[in-house]
C-alpha atoms as a PDB file:
ATOM      1  CA  MET A   1      14.528  52.660 183.056  1.00  0.00           C
ATOM      2  CA  ALA A   2      16.705  54.119 185.535  1.00  0.00           C
ATOM      3  CA  VAL A   3      16.084  54.743 189.047  1.00  0.00           C
ATOM      4  CA  ILE A   4      17.253  57.913 190.303  1.00  0.00           C
ATOM      5  CA  ARG A   5      17.341  58.540 194.129  1.00  0.00           C
ATOM      6  CA  TRP A   6      15.646  62.027 194.933  1.00  0.00           C
ATOM      7  CA  ASN A   7      17.960  63.845 197.357  1.00  0.00           C
ATOM      8  CA  PRO A   8      15.968  66.641 199.195  1.00  0.00           C
ATOM      9  CA  TRP A   9      19.370  68.705 199.498  1.00  0.00           C
ATOM     10  CA  ASN A  10      20.007  68.922 195.939  1.00  0.00           C
ATOM     11  CA  ASP A  11      16.604  71.061 195.748  1.00  0.00           C
ATOM     12  CA  LEU A  12      17.575  73.337 198.313  1.00  0.00           C
ATOM     13  CA  PHE A  13      21.181  74.198 196.496  1.00  0.00           C
ATOM     14  CA  ASP A  14      19.212  74.661 193.313  1.00  0.00           C
ATOM     15  CA  LEU A  15      17.147  77.200 194.991  1.00  0.00           C
ATOM     16  CA  HIS A  16      20.213  78.837 196.417  1.00  0.00           C
ATOM     17  CA  SER A  17      21.930  79.255 192.914  1.00  0.00           C
ATOM     18  CA  GLN A  18      18.532  80.589 191.443  1.00  0.00           C
ATOM     19  CA  MET A  19      18.163  83.132 194.266  1.00  0.00           C
ATOM     20  CA  ASP A  20      21.759  83.955 193.596  1.00  0.00           C
ATOM     21  CA  GLN A  21      20.838  84.923 190.080  1.00  0.00           C
ATOM     22  CA  LEU A  22      17.770  86.806 190.436  1.00  0.00           C
ATOM     23  CA  PHE A  23      19.687  89.327 192.969  1.00  0.00           C
ATOM     24  CA  GLN A  24      22.585  89.417 190.265  1.00  0.00           C
ATOM     25  CA  SER A  25      20.036  90.264 187.781  1.00  0.00           C
ATOM     26  CA  LEU A  26      18.704  92.932 189.764  1.00  0.00           C
ATOM     27  CA  ASN A  27      21.841  94.546 190.655  1.00  0.00           C
ATOM     28  CA  PRO A  28      22.300  97.930 188.856  1.00  0.00           C
ATOM     29  CA  GLU A  29      26.148  97.684 188.795  1.00  0.00           C
ATOM     30  CA  ILE A  30      25.678  94.730 186.255  1.00  0.00           C
ATOM     31  CA  PRO A  31      26.198  96.355 183.036  1.00  0.00           C
ATOM     32  CA  ARG A  32      22.666  95.688 180.393  1.00  0.00           C
ATOM     33  CA  GLY A  33      22.946  95.583 176.749  1.00  0.00           C
ATOM     34  CA  ALA A  34      25.099  93.569 174.120  1.00  0.00           C
ATOM     35  CA  THR A  35      27.225  91.610 176.678  1.00  0.00           C
ATOM     36  CA  PRO A  36      25.935  88.344 177.478  1.00  0.00           C
ATOM     37  CA  GLU A  37      24.647  87.298 181.023  1.00  0.00           C
ATOM     38  CA  TYR A  38      26.824  87.677 183.982  1.00  0.00           C
ATOM     39  CA  THR A  39      27.155  84.203 185.981  1.00  0.00           C
ATOM     40  CA  HIS A  40      27.916  83.810 189.403  1.00  0.00           C
ATOM     41  CA  LEU A  41      31.598  83.815 190.354  1.00  0.00           C
ATOM     42  CA  PRO A  42      32.540  81.345 193.088  1.00  0.00           C
ATOM     43  CA  VAL A  43      35.103  82.909 195.710  1.00  0.00           C
ATOM     44  CA  ASP A  44      37.276  81.467 198.672  1.00  0.00           C
ATOM     45  CA  ILE A  45      37.727  83.789 201.854  1.00  0.00           C
ATOM     46  CA  ARG A  46      40.509  83.240 204.062  1.00  0.00           C
ATOM     47  CA  GLN A  47      41.385  85.494 207.062  1.00  0.00           C
ATOM     48  CA  THR A  48      44.972  85.801 208.910  1.00  0.00           C
ATOM     49  CA  ASP A  49      46.279  88.034 211.485  1.00  0.00           C
ATOM     50  CA  GLU A  50      47.394  90.625 208.721  1.00  0.00           C
ATOM     51  CA  ALA A  51      44.894  90.418 206.001  1.00  0.00           C
ATOM     52  CA  PHE A  52      41.567  88.920 204.253  1.00  0.00           C
ATOM     53  CA  ILE A  53      42.348  86.732 200.804  1.00  0.00           C
ATOM     54  CA  VAL A  54      39.865  86.643 197.934  1.00  0.00           C
ATOM     55  CA  GLU A  55      40.263  83.710 195.800  1.00  0.00           C
ATOM     56  CA  ALA A  56      38.458  83.034 192.499  1.00  0.00           C
ATOM     57  CA  SER A  57      39.468  80.750 189.326  1.00  0.00           C
ATOM     58  CA  VAL A  58      38.774  82.778 186.004  1.00  0.00           C
ATOM     59  CA  PRO A  59      40.059  80.361 183.877  1.00  0.00           C
ATOM     60  CA  GLY A  60      39.913  81.752 180.149  1.00  0.00           C
ATOM     61  CA  LEU A  61      40.181  85.266 181.749  1.00  0.00           C
ATOM     62  CA  GLY A  62      43.708  87.381 181.668  1.00  0.00           C
ATOM     63  CA  PRO A  63      44.351  90.182 183.854  1.00  0.00           C
ATOM     64  CA  ASP A  64      43.403  92.676 181.161  1.00  0.00           C
ATOM     65  CA  ASP A  65      39.686  91.065 181.463  1.00  0.00           C
ATOM     66  CA  VAL A  66      39.434  91.393 185.075  1.00  0.00           C
ATOM     67  CA  GLU A  67      38.348  94.891 186.844  1.00  0.00           C
ATOM     68  CA  VAL A  68      38.582  94.802 190.665  1.00  0.00           C
ATOM     69  CA  THR A  69      37.192  97.670 192.691  1.00  0.00           C
ATOM     70  CA  ILE A  70      36.179  98.500 196.030  1.00  0.00           C
ATOM     71  CA  ASP A  71      33.208 101.369 197.135  1.00  0.00           C
ATOM     72  CA  GLY A  72      31.623 101.506 200.134  1.00  0.00           C
ATOM     73  CA  GLY A  73      33.201  98.639 202.006  1.00  0.00           C
ATOM     74  CA  VAL A  74      31.910  96.383 198.933  1.00  0.00           C
ATOM     75  CA  LEU A  75      34.931  94.404 196.912  1.00  0.00           C
ATOM     76  CA  THR A  76      33.362  93.881 193.144  1.00  0.00           C
ATOM     77  CA  ILE A  77      34.963  91.495 190.894  1.00  0.00           C
ATOM     78  CA  LYS A  78      33.943  91.637 187.417  1.00  0.00           C
ATOM     79  CA  GLY A  79      35.366  89.767 184.041  1.00  0.00           C
ATOM     80  CA  THR A  80      34.669  89.262 180.454  1.00  0.00           C
ATOM     81  CA  THR A  81      36.162  86.890 178.041  1.00  0.00           C
ATOM     82  CA  LYS A  82      36.042  88.140 174.168  1.00  0.00           C
ATOM     83  CA  THR A  83      35.501  85.583 171.907  1.00  0.00           C
ATOM     84  CA  SER A  84      37.631  85.195 168.757  1.00  0.00           C
ATOM     85  CA  THR A  85      36.191  86.460 165.401  1.00  0.00           C
ATOM     86  CA  GLU A  86      38.924  85.250 163.472  1.00  0.00           C
ATOM     87  CA  GLN A  87      38.425  82.165 161.313  1.00  0.00           C
ATOM     88  CA  ARG A  88      40.336  79.109 161.609  1.00  0.00           C
ATOM     89  CA  ASN A  89      40.880  76.111 158.966  1.00  0.00           C
ATOM     90  CA  GLY A  90      37.484  74.562 159.003  1.00  0.00           C
ATOM     91  CA  ASN A  91      34.239  75.107 159.842  1.00  0.00           C
ATOM     92  CA  TYR A  92      32.926  74.694 163.359  1.00  0.00           C
ATOM     93  CA  VAL A  93      30.441  71.746 163.805  1.00  0.00           C
ATOM     94  CA  ARG A  94      29.838  73.068 167.722  1.00  0.00           C
ATOM     95  CA  ARG A  95      31.143  76.161 169.398  1.00  0.00           C
ATOM     96  CA  GLU A  96      30.593  76.233 173.278  1.00  0.00           C
ATOM     97  CA  ARG A  97      32.841  78.645 174.142  1.00  0.00           C
ATOM     98  CA  GLY A  98      31.897  81.900 173.529  1.00  0.00           C
ATOM     99  CA  MET A  99      32.052  85.198 175.517  1.00  0.00           C
ATOM    100  CA  THR A 100      31.327  84.634 179.007  1.00  0.00           C
ATOM    101  CA  SER A 101      31.086  87.294 182.123  1.00  0.00           C
ATOM    102  CA  VAL A 102      31.750  86.766 185.668  1.00  0.00           C
ATOM    103  CA  PHE A 103      30.588  89.222 188.283  1.00  0.00           C
ATOM    104  CA  ARG A 104      30.843  89.022 191.971  1.00  0.00           C
ATOM    105  CA  GLN A 105      30.407  91.467 195.236  1.00  0.00           C
ATOM    106  CA  VAL A 106      31.694  90.852 198.781  1.00  0.00           C
ATOM    107  CA  GLY A 107      30.686  93.055 201.666  1.00  0.00           C
ATOM    108  CA  LEU A 108      33.805  93.645 203.590  1.00  0.00           C
ATOM    109  CA  PRO A 109      34.506  94.162 207.229  1.00  0.00           C
ATOM    110  CA  ALA A 110      35.271  97.958 208.506  1.00  0.00           C
ATOM    111  CA  GLU A 111      38.822  96.878 209.976  1.00  0.00           C
ATOM    112  CA  VAL A 112      40.314  96.790 206.467  1.00  0.00           C
ATOM    113  CA  ARG A 113      42.808  99.298 204.521  1.00  0.00           C
ATOM    114  CA  ALA A 114      41.206 100.177 201.305  1.00  0.00           C
ATOM    115  CA  ASP A 115      44.010 101.629 200.090  1.00  0.00           C
ATOM    116  CA  ASP A 116      46.546  98.820 200.573  1.00  0.00           C
ATOM    117  CA  ILE A 117      44.387  96.353 198.928  1.00  0.00           C
ATOM    118  CA  SER A 118      46.201  94.543 196.050  1.00  0.00           C
ATOM    119  CA  ALA A 119      45.359  91.698 193.553  1.00  0.00           C
ATOM    120  CA  SER A 120      47.344  89.209 191.548  1.00  0.00           C
ATOM    121  CA  PHE A 121      46.747  87.243 188.892  1.00  0.00           C
ATOM    122  CA  ALA A 122      48.410  83.661 188.108  1.00  0.00           C
ATOM    123  CA  ASN A 123      47.211  80.447 185.881  1.00  0.00           C
ATOM    124  CA  GLY A 124      43.429  81.756 185.924  1.00  0.00           C
ATOM    125  CA  GLU A 125      43.426  82.356 189.937  1.00  0.00           C
ATOM    126  CA  LEU A 126      42.533  85.789 190.484  1.00  0.00           C
ATOM    127  CA  THR A 127      44.124  86.529 194.077  1.00  0.00           C
ATOM    128  CA  VAL A 128      42.891  89.750 196.015  1.00  0.00           C
ATOM    129  CA  THR A 129      44.746  90.612 199.334  1.00  0.00           C
ATOM    130  CA  ILE A 130      43.011  93.174 201.465  1.00  0.00           C
ATOM    131  CA  PRO A 131      45.224  94.080 204.656  1.00  0.00           C
ATOM    132  CA  ARG A 132      43.414  94.593 208.010  1.00  0.00           C
ATOM    133  CA  GLU A 133      43.688  97.325 210.256  1.00  0.00           C
ATOM    134  CA  GLN A 134      45.763  96.795 213.533  1.00  0.00           C
ATOM    135  CA  LYS A 135      43.311  95.914 216.364  1.00  0.00           C
ATOM    136  CA  ALA A 136      43.251  98.271 219.162  1.00  0.00           C
ATOM    137  CA  GLN A 137      45.690  96.772 222.102  1.00  0.00           C
ATOM    138  CA  PRO A 138      44.233  97.036 225.191  1.00  0.00           C
ATOM    139  CA  LYS A 139      45.978  99.587 227.532  1.00  0.00           C
ATOM    140  CA  ARG A 140      46.488  99.423 231.161  1.00  0.00           C
ATOM    141  CA  ILE A 141      44.491 102.553 233.002  1.00  0.00           C
ATOM    142  CA  PRO A 142      46.316 103.240 236.075  1.00  0.00           C
ATOM    143  CA  VAL A 143      44.158 102.966 239.346  1.00  0.00           C
ATOM    144  CA  THR A 144      44.738 105.787 241.816  1.00  0.00           C
ATOM    145  CA  ALA A 145      43.668 105.715 245.373  1.00  0.00           C
ATOM    146  CA  ASP A 146      40.789 108.084 246.450  1.00  0.00           C
ATOM    147  CA  ALA A 147      38.580 108.107 249.622  1.00  0.00           C
ATOM    148  CA  ALA A 148      36.879 105.212 250.275  1.00  0.00           C
ATOM    149  CA  PRO A 149      33.179 105.250 249.091  1.00  0.00           C
ATOM    150  CA  GLY A 150      30.954 106.784 251.236  1.00  0.00           C
ATOM    151  CA  ARG A 151      33.537 108.834 253.023  1.00  0.00           C
ATOM    152  CA  LYS A 152      34.189 112.275 252.240  1.00  0.00           C
ATOM    153  CA  PRO A 153      37.968 113.058 251.557  1.00  0.00           C
ATOM    154  CA  GLU A 154      39.609 114.718 254.063  1.00  0.00           C
ATOM    155  CA  ARG A 155      40.399 118.369 254.144  1.00  0.00           C
ATOM    156  CA  ILE A 156      44.049 119.409 254.441  1.00  0.00           C
ATOM    157  CA  VAL A 157      44.334 122.725 255.945  1.00  0.00           C
ATOM    158  CA  GLU A 158      47.493 124.784 255.534  1.00  0.00           C
ATOM    159  CA  HIS A 159      48.503 126.338 258.418  1.00  0.00           C
ATOM    160  CA  LYS A 160      50.755 129.663 257.743  1.00  0.00           C
ATOM    161  CA  PRO A 161      53.188 130.452 260.464  1.00  0.00           C
ATOM    162  CA  SER A 162      52.809 133.901 261.970  1.00  0.00           C
END
């Protein structure tokens, strides 16, 4: 008999994964029907002064299998692998690599340039670059001298020579 130490954090992480799956299943953006269930796509998000960079590992997918869209400030990544139906020599004893689909939505901050978003794909890694808007630079406002508070400005009376 093996003794396994209980870690309460594992239960919390399992609950987090189950909640993600529940919300993903309730999302109307996820297609229903013949495709298999979508799985949660983990992403890394970095920020620089110029852009937000979203990185996702999507092994088994190619550039044509991945769809990246933005709508209403939400970046959506969907991907589906296709199974090969060709018969190779021999019969399968086990076949675990079937059609898989991934889905992820990421809310974007307001200060992005949606028209300049780009996505690239290399070695099973999807990188989405989301340029940031330039922050408004502080502007110095000149201060002019007016009458002292509580004191009425002096009245300038112009005298015309007679």
